[in-house]
Structures are given as structure tokens and as C-alpha cells.
Amino acid sequence: MPRQKSVFFLFPLINVNLFPSTTKPLQIFEERYIQMIQDAMANKTAIALCFVPEGSHEIQPIAGYGHPQIIETRPDGTLLIFINCIGKAHLDLQNLKSIDPYIVAEGQIIDEDLAVEDKCQEMYVKLSHVLVRWIKQHVPNMAQQEIFMRSLIGPREVVSAFSAYLVSDYDLQYELIQIHSLTNQIQFLYRLLESGELTNK
């Protein structure tokens, strides 16, 4: 079955990945991106938050995408926004379209395999416990802790939150973005946990 295609506004950022079911707060101060946010909301066009490795100008093709929500418009016109990630797309970076002042690309929506195989259940439980411990240690407000933990309604939410907050290496985060099987993501994260490579835990 062919993948569904869609059009995305591109927001390339150095060392930023957007995982499904997570929310990314962003300060928007460049005029072109302020215009992009306004157009995205007016046209109901999703924004793909594109990972650019540090020291590079190369946009990576797999990106989380979502619709922006303006939280604050400041007197100088700059914005505080949230992007709630609703999925991942494989962007066609060979055929970028410049719509002054920003960039648009077509992309294929990625259908992820959200099944968790039995062999990974124990790994998943351990990752869940580590994430809850991290939340209790790093989110000082009890009400915010409760809101955060209530948002972890299933394996996808747990794995995405773990990837976003406990994996501090952005290149490793992008490797996770490229894995479209929840079982394989759990195995990847568990290997990182066991190897001691998670500096944020």
C-alpha cells in the first residue's frame, strides 16, 4: 500500500528532533519563520521540524511534524509556540520549493509499527520505571509531574518521551527517529541504558 503524501513547511534546526506524541516549545524570532507559523495556522499546513547536525547545513530527511500553537505573541512580534508532534514524514529534499520567505517540501507519512513484541515487555517496563524516576527528579512541580505522567498513556508515548528527554546525544536521537518499529526502538533504548550512554538518566 503506498504511503500517504502531504505538503510540509520546513523548519530546520540544529540539534533538534521532534518525536511523535511529544511537544516542543520554540521561540520564534526570525521574520520568515514568524510568517511561516502564521501561514501554517491559516492554511492548516503541518510543520516538519528538521534535524540539522551540528557543524552542518544539511537537512535530514526524516522529521517529526505537527501543527503549531501560539502560546504568546510579544510586543516585538516574536512568538512562543508549541508544536505537538502527530507523526513522522520522509521528506523529498530533492524537490524543495521556495515560497518566499520559507521552504516547502512534499513528504510521505511514515506508518510506524506500534506493536511491542513479547520479548521486549520486560525492557519496556524497565525503561518506563527509569522515565518515571527521571520525571520525579527533574520536574520539581508536583502538578506538572502529574500532568507529564498522565500523558504517558502507552508504549509510544513512553518511548518518545524517553528518547526526547533521556537521550542527550542528538545524533543518537536522529537514529531513533529513523527507526519505525516500536519494538526496535525499545531494544535500541535498552542497549543505551545498559551501556551507560544515557547521561540524562
C-alpha atoms as a PDB file:
ATOM      1  CA  MET A   1       0.000   0.000   0.000  1.00  0.00           C
ATOM      2  CA  PRO A   2       1.540   3.370  -1.000  1.00  0.00           C
ATOM      3  CA  ARG A   3       2.307   5.826   1.728  1.00  0.00           C
ATOM      4  CA  GLN A   4       0.134   8.884   2.104  1.00  0.00           C
ATOM      5  CA  LYS A   5       1.762  12.068   0.822  1.00  0.00           C
ATOM      6  CA  SER A   6       1.434  15.551   2.230  1.00  0.00           C
ATOM      7  CA  VAL A   7       2.996  19.008   1.952  1.00  0.00           C
ATOM      8  CA  PHE A   8       5.028  20.416   4.833  1.00  0.00           C
ATOM      9  CA  PHE A   9       6.547  23.732   5.776  1.00  0.00           C
ATOM     10  CA  LEU A  10      10.168  23.019   6.754  1.00  0.00           C
ATOM     11  CA  PHE A  11      11.678  24.337   9.952  1.00  0.00           C
ATOM     12  CA  PRO A  12      15.343  23.218  10.017  1.00  0.00           C
ATOM     13  CA  LEU A  13      17.038  23.495  13.406  1.00  0.00           C
ATOM     14  CA  ILE A  14      20.488  22.455  14.583  1.00  0.00           C
ATOM     15  CA  ASN A  15      20.394  19.568  17.086  1.00  0.00           C
ATOM     16  CA  VAL A  16      16.596  19.442  17.368  1.00  0.00           C
ATOM     17  CA  ASN A  17      14.474  16.324  16.884  1.00  0.00           C
ATOM     18  CA  LEU A  18      10.702  16.071  17.307  1.00  0.00           C
ATOM     19  CA  PHE A  19       9.332  12.723  18.462  1.00  0.00           C
ATOM     20  CA  PRO A  20       5.721  11.575  17.980  1.00  0.00           C
ATOM     21  CA  SER A  21       3.398  12.330  20.896  1.00  0.00           C
ATOM     22  CA  THR A  22       5.792  14.918  22.369  1.00  0.00           C
ATOM     23  CA  THR A  23       5.508  18.696  22.436  1.00  0.00           C
ATOM     24  CA  LYS A  24       8.342  21.064  21.562  1.00  0.00           C
ATOM     25  CA  PRO A  25       8.321  24.679  22.817  1.00  0.00           C
ATOM     26  CA  LEU A  26      10.057  27.084  20.424  1.00  0.00           C
ATOM     27  CA  GLN A  27      10.963  30.756  20.497  1.00  0.00           C
ATOM     28  CA  ILE A  28      10.308  32.231  17.032  1.00  0.00           C
ATOM     29  CA  PHE A  29      12.108  35.490  16.320  1.00  0.00           C
ATOM     30  CA  GLU A  30      13.103  35.424  12.626  1.00  0.00           C
ATOM     31  CA  GLU A  31      10.560  37.220  10.439  1.00  0.00           C
ATOM     32  CA  ARG A  32      10.450  34.425   7.846  1.00  0.00           C
ATOM     33  CA  TYR A  33       9.564  31.828  10.468  1.00  0.00           C
ATOM     34  CA  ILE A  34       7.013  34.098  12.133  1.00  0.00           C
ATOM     35  CA  GLN A  35       5.387  34.348   8.695  1.00  0.00           C
ATOM     36  CA  MET A  36       5.642  30.567   8.275  1.00  0.00           C
ATOM     37  CA  ILE A  37       3.903  29.935  11.605  1.00  0.00           C
ATOM     38  CA  GLN A  38       1.100  32.334  10.712  1.00  0.00           C
ATOM     39  CA  ASP A  39       0.673  30.766   7.257  1.00  0.00           C
ATOM     40  CA  ALA A  40       0.774  27.236   8.682  1.00  0.00           C
ATOM     41  CA  MET A  41      -2.039  28.086  11.062  1.00  0.00           C
ATOM     42  CA  ALA A  42      -4.081  29.919   8.419  1.00  0.00           C
ATOM     43  CA  ASN A  43      -3.696  27.121   5.843  1.00  0.00           C
ATOM     44  CA  LYS A  44      -3.712  24.211   8.330  1.00  0.00           C
ATOM     45  CA  THR A  45      -0.356  23.083   6.924  1.00  0.00           C
ATOM     46  CA  ALA A  46       1.862  20.945   9.160  1.00  0.00           C
ATOM     47  CA  ILE A  47       5.398  21.996  10.028  1.00  0.00           C
ATOM     48  CA  ALA A  48       8.209  19.427   9.790  1.00  0.00           C
ATOM     49  CA  LEU A  49      10.881  20.096  12.394  1.00  0.00           C
ATOM     50  CA  CYS A  50      14.016  19.027  10.526  1.00  0.00           C
ATOM     51  CA  PHE A  51      17.193  17.865  12.241  1.00  0.00           C
ATOM     52  CA  VAL A  52      20.417  19.555  11.104  1.00  0.00           C
ATOM     53  CA  PRO A  53      23.580  18.039  12.645  1.00  0.00           C
ATOM     54  CA  GLU A  54      25.881  20.480  14.406  1.00  0.00           C
ATOM     55  CA  GLY A  55      28.552  21.812  12.047  1.00  0.00           C
ATOM     56  CA  SER A  56      26.406  21.049   9.012  1.00  0.00           C
ATOM     57  CA  HIS A  57      23.825  22.826   6.867  1.00  0.00           C
ATOM     58  CA  GLU A  58      22.342  19.543   5.618  1.00  0.00           C
ATOM     59  CA  ILE A  59      18.682  18.954   6.437  1.00  0.00           C
ATOM     60  CA  GLN A  60      17.966  15.311   7.325  1.00  0.00           C
ATOM     61  CA  PRO A  61      15.033  13.659   5.506  1.00  0.00           C
ATOM     62  CA  ILE A  62      13.139  12.022   8.403  1.00  0.00           C
ATOM     63  CA  ALA A  63      11.295  14.553  10.542  1.00  0.00           C
ATOM     64  CA  GLY A  64       8.582  14.774  13.144  1.00  0.00           C
ATOM     65  CA  TYR A  65       5.734  17.059  12.164  1.00  0.00           C
ATOM     66  CA  GLY A  66       2.797  18.773  13.784  1.00  0.00           C
ATOM     67  CA  HIS A  67       0.645  21.871  13.873  1.00  0.00           C
ATOM     68  CA  PRO A  68       1.854  24.958  15.751  1.00  0.00           C
ATOM     69  CA  GLN A  69       0.010  26.585  18.599  1.00  0.00           C
ATOM     70  CA  ILE A  70       0.887  30.167  19.526  1.00  0.00           C
ATOM     71  CA  ILE A  71       1.279  30.451  23.298  1.00  0.00           C
ATOM     72  CA  GLU A  72       2.436  34.062  23.426  1.00  0.00           C
ATOM     73  CA  THR A  73       2.785  36.946  20.977  1.00  0.00           C
ATOM     74  CA  ARG A  74       5.215  39.503  22.358  1.00  0.00           C
ATOM     75  CA  PRO A  75       5.166  43.290  21.765  1.00  0.00           C
ATOM     76  CA  ASP A  76       8.144  42.990  19.373  1.00  0.00           C
ATOM     77  CA  GLY A  77       6.248  40.424  17.257  1.00  0.00           C
ATOM     78  CA  THR A  78       8.266  37.391  18.341  1.00  0.00           C
ATOM     79  CA  LEU A  79       6.371  34.248  19.308  1.00  0.00           C
ATOM     80  CA  LEU A  80       6.424  31.443  21.815  1.00  0.00           C
ATOM     81  CA  ILE A  81       4.866  28.385  20.180  1.00  0.00           C
ATOM     82  CA  PHE A  82       4.283  24.720  20.892  1.00  0.00           C
ATOM     83  CA  ILE A  83       4.407  22.074  18.187  1.00  0.00           C
ATOM     84  CA  ASN A  84       2.584  18.879  19.124  1.00  0.00           C
ATOM     85  CA  CYS A  85       4.113  16.064  17.085  1.00  0.00           C
ATOM     86  CA  ILE A  86       1.484  13.906  15.403  1.00  0.00           C
ATOM     87  CA  GLY A  87       3.765  11.734  13.280  1.00  0.00           C
ATOM     88  CA  LYS A  88       6.871  11.357  11.154  1.00  0.00           C
ATOM     89  CA  ALA A  89       7.445  12.020   7.474  1.00  0.00           C
ATOM     90  CA  HIS A  90      10.078  11.140   4.891  1.00  0.00           C
ATOM     91  CA  LEU A  91      10.709  14.433   3.107  1.00  0.00           C
ATOM     92  CA  ASP A  92      11.564  14.747  -0.578  1.00  0.00           C
ATOM     93  CA  LEU A  93      14.564  17.044  -0.195  1.00  0.00           C
ATOM     94  CA  GLN A  94      15.480  16.761  -3.881  1.00  0.00           C
ATOM     95  CA  ASN A  95      12.466  18.836  -4.876  1.00  0.00           C
ATOM     96  CA  LEU A  96      12.303  21.676  -2.394  1.00  0.00           C
ATOM     97  CA  LYS A  97      10.042  24.593  -3.219  1.00  0.00           C
ATOM     98  CA  SER A  98      10.894  28.086  -2.085  1.00  0.00           C
ATOM     99  CA  ILE A  99       7.805  30.058  -1.123  1.00  0.00           C
ATOM    100  CA  ASP A 100       9.284  33.365  -0.105  1.00  0.00           C
ATOM    101  CA  PRO A 101      10.402  33.607   2.658  1.00  0.00           C
ATOM    102  CA  TYR A 102      10.440  29.910   3.652  1.00  0.00           C
ATOM    103  CA  ILE A 103      10.768  26.371   2.237  1.00  0.00           C
ATOM    104  CA  VAL A 104       8.100  23.795   1.417  1.00  0.00           C
ATOM    105  CA  ALA A 105       8.551  20.101   0.616  1.00  0.00           C
ATOM    106  CA  GLU A 106       6.380  17.134  -0.138  1.00  0.00           C
ATOM    107  CA  GLY A 107       6.783  14.139   2.121  1.00  0.00           C
ATOM    108  CA  GLN A 108       5.472  10.649   2.688  1.00  0.00           C
ATOM    109  CA  ILE A 109       3.737   9.982   6.001  1.00  0.00           C
ATOM    110  CA  ILE A 110       5.515   7.135   7.803  1.00  0.00           C
ATOM    111  CA  ASP A 111       3.299   4.353   9.111  1.00  0.00           C
ATOM    112  CA  GLU A 112       5.045   3.136  12.235  1.00  0.00           C
ATOM    113  CA  ASP A 113       4.741  -0.383  13.607  1.00  0.00           C
ATOM    114  CA  LEU A 114       3.432   0.331  17.120  1.00  0.00           C
ATOM    115  CA  ALA A 115       3.310  -3.297  18.289  1.00  0.00           C
ATOM    116  CA  VAL A 116       5.527  -4.249  21.216  1.00  0.00           C
ATOM    117  CA  GLU A 117       6.705  -7.841  20.909  1.00  0.00           C
ATOM    118  CA  ASP A 118       6.585 -10.065  23.986  1.00  0.00           C
ATOM    119  CA  LYS A 119      10.374 -10.329  24.078  1.00  0.00           C
ATOM    120  CA  CYS A 120      10.553  -6.580  24.748  1.00  0.00           C
ATOM    121  CA  GLN A 121       7.957  -6.308  27.511  1.00  0.00           C
ATOM    122  CA  GLU A 122      10.492  -6.541  30.335  1.00  0.00           C
ATOM    123  CA  MET A 123      12.743  -3.983  28.607  1.00  0.00           C
ATOM    124  CA  TYR A 124       9.781  -1.659  28.155  1.00  0.00           C
ATOM    125  CA  VAL A 125       8.828  -1.891  31.839  1.00  0.00           C
ATOM    126  CA  LYS A 126      12.375  -1.041  32.896  1.00  0.00           C
ATOM    127  CA  LEU A 127      12.507   1.947  30.520  1.00  0.00           C
ATOM    128  CA  SER A 128       9.159   3.121  31.934  1.00  0.00           C
ATOM    129  CA  HIS A 129      10.494   2.980  35.504  1.00  0.00           C
ATOM    130  CA  VAL A 130      13.623   4.920  34.537  1.00  0.00           C
ATOM    131  CA  LEU A 131      11.495   7.584  32.827  1.00  0.00           C
ATOM    132  CA  VAL A 132       9.195   7.973  35.846  1.00  0.00           C
ATOM    133  CA  ARG A 133      12.236   8.294  38.122  1.00  0.00           C
ATOM    134  CA  TRP A 134      13.661  10.974  35.786  1.00  0.00           C
ATOM    135  CA  ILE A 135      10.382  12.920  35.862  1.00  0.00           C
ATOM    136  CA  LYS A 136      10.315  12.879  39.664  1.00  0.00           C
ATOM    137  CA  GLN A 137      13.920  14.074  39.828  1.00  0.00           C
ATOM    138  CA  HIS A 138      13.783  16.759  37.121  1.00  0.00           C
ATOM    139  CA  VAL A 139      10.237  18.149  37.199  1.00  0.00           C
ATOM    140  CA  PRO A 140      10.033  19.908  40.571  1.00  0.00           C
ATOM    141  CA  ASN A 141       6.379  20.939  40.385  1.00  0.00           C
ATOM    142  CA  MET A 142       4.124  18.112  41.578  1.00  0.00           C
ATOM    143  CA  ALA A 143       1.199  19.218  39.410  1.00  0.00           C
ATOM    144  CA  GLN A 144       3.445  19.245  36.322  1.00  0.00           C
ATOM    145  CA  GLN A 145       4.773  15.809  37.263  1.00  0.00           C
ATOM    146  CA  GLU A 146       1.230  14.504  37.368  1.00  0.00           C
ATOM    147  CA  ILE A 147       0.343  16.077  34.009  1.00  0.00           C
ATOM    148  CA  PHE A 148       3.508  14.638  32.444  1.00  0.00           C
ATOM    149  CA  MET A 149       2.872  11.130  33.768  1.00  0.00           C
ATOM    150  CA  ARG A 150      -0.797  11.219  32.743  1.00  0.00           C
ATOM    151  CA  SER A 151       0.358  11.938  29.178  1.00  0.00           C
ATOM    152  CA  LEU A 152       2.279   8.625  29.114  1.00  0.00           C
ATOM    153  CA  ILE A 153      -0.768   6.650  28.055  1.00  0.00           C
ATOM    154  CA  GLY A 154       1.019   3.856  26.188  1.00  0.00           C
ATOM    155  CA  PRO A 155       4.288   2.498  24.814  1.00  0.00           C
ATOM    156  CA  ARG A 156       4.558   5.062  22.009  1.00  0.00           C
ATOM    157  CA  GLU A 157       4.269   7.968  24.434  1.00  0.00           C
ATOM    158  CA  VAL A 158       6.745   6.407  26.876  1.00  0.00           C
ATOM    159  CA  VAL A 159       9.313   5.595  24.184  1.00  0.00           C
ATOM    160  CA  SER A 160       9.047   9.044  22.583  1.00  0.00           C
ATOM    161  CA  ALA A 161       9.370  10.854  25.917  1.00  0.00           C
ATOM    162  CA  PHE A 162      12.327   8.649  26.899  1.00  0.00           C
ATOM    163  CA  SER A 163      14.011   9.404  23.550  1.00  0.00           C
ATOM    164  CA  ALA A 164      13.385  13.147  23.807  1.00  0.00           C
ATOM    165  CA  TYR A 165      14.452  13.674  27.416  1.00  0.00           C
ATOM    166  CA  LEU A 166      16.887  10.940  28.394  1.00  0.00           C
ATOM    167  CA  VAL A 167      18.919  10.593  25.193  1.00  0.00           C
ATOM    168  CA  SER A 168      21.219  13.621  25.267  1.00  0.00           C
ATOM    169  CA  ASP A 169      23.152  12.818  22.075  1.00  0.00           C
ATOM    170  CA  TYR A 170      21.262  14.425  19.190  1.00  0.00           C
ATOM    171  CA  ASP A 171      22.754  12.115  16.579  1.00  0.00           C
ATOM    172  CA  LEU A 172      21.505   9.119  18.586  1.00  0.00           C
ATOM    173  CA  GLN A 173      18.120  10.821  18.783  1.00  0.00           C
ATOM    174  CA  TYR A 174      18.074  11.047  14.999  1.00  0.00           C
ATOM    175  CA  GLU A 175      18.977   7.358  14.737  1.00  0.00           C
ATOM    176  CA  LEU A 176      15.886   6.676  16.844  1.00  0.00           C
ATOM    177  CA  ILE A 177      13.750   8.915  14.621  1.00  0.00           C
ATOM    178  CA  GLN A 178      14.789   6.723  11.681  1.00  0.00           C
ATOM    179  CA  ILE A 179      13.546   3.528  13.405  1.00  0.00           C
ATOM    180  CA  HIS A 180       9.885   2.970  12.602  1.00  0.00           C
ATOM    181  CA  SER A 181       9.239  -0.114  14.756  1.00  0.00           C
ATOM    182  CA  LEU A 182       8.408   0.449  18.423  1.00  0.00           C
ATOM    183  CA  THR A 183       9.923  -2.919  19.311  1.00  0.00           C
ATOM    184  CA  ASN A 184      13.210  -1.940  17.658  1.00  0.00           C
ATOM    185  CA  GLN A 185      13.175   1.463  19.358  1.00  0.00           C
ATOM    186  CA  ILE A 186      12.741  -0.208  22.739  1.00  0.00           C
ATOM    187  CA  GLN A 187      15.673  -2.534  22.016  1.00  0.00           C
ATOM    188  CA  PHE A 188      17.815   0.432  20.909  1.00  0.00           C
ATOM    189  CA  LEU A 189      16.996   2.425  24.058  1.00  0.00           C
ATOM    190  CA  TYR A 190      17.552  -0.560  26.317  1.00  0.00           C
ATOM    191  CA  ARG A 191      21.021  -1.095  24.812  1.00  0.00           C
ATOM    192  CA  LEU A 192      21.819   2.566  25.505  1.00  0.00           C
ATOM    193  CA  LEU A 193      20.572   2.220  29.069  1.00  0.00           C
ATOM    194  CA  GLU A 194      22.572  -0.939  29.726  1.00  0.00           C
ATOM    195  CA  SER A 195      25.721   0.517  28.173  1.00  0.00           C
ATOM    196  CA  GLY A 196      25.611   3.598  30.398  1.00  0.00           C
ATOM    197  CA  GLU A 197      25.400   6.001  27.457  1.00  0.00           C
ATOM    198  CA  LEU A 198      22.366   7.851  28.837  1.00  0.00           C
ATOM    199  CA  THR A 199      23.927  10.841  30.581  1.00  0.00           C
ATOM    200  CA  ASN A 200      20.477  12.316  31.354  1.00  0.00           C
ATOM    201  CA  LYS A 201      19.237   9.420  33.467  1.00  0.00           C
END
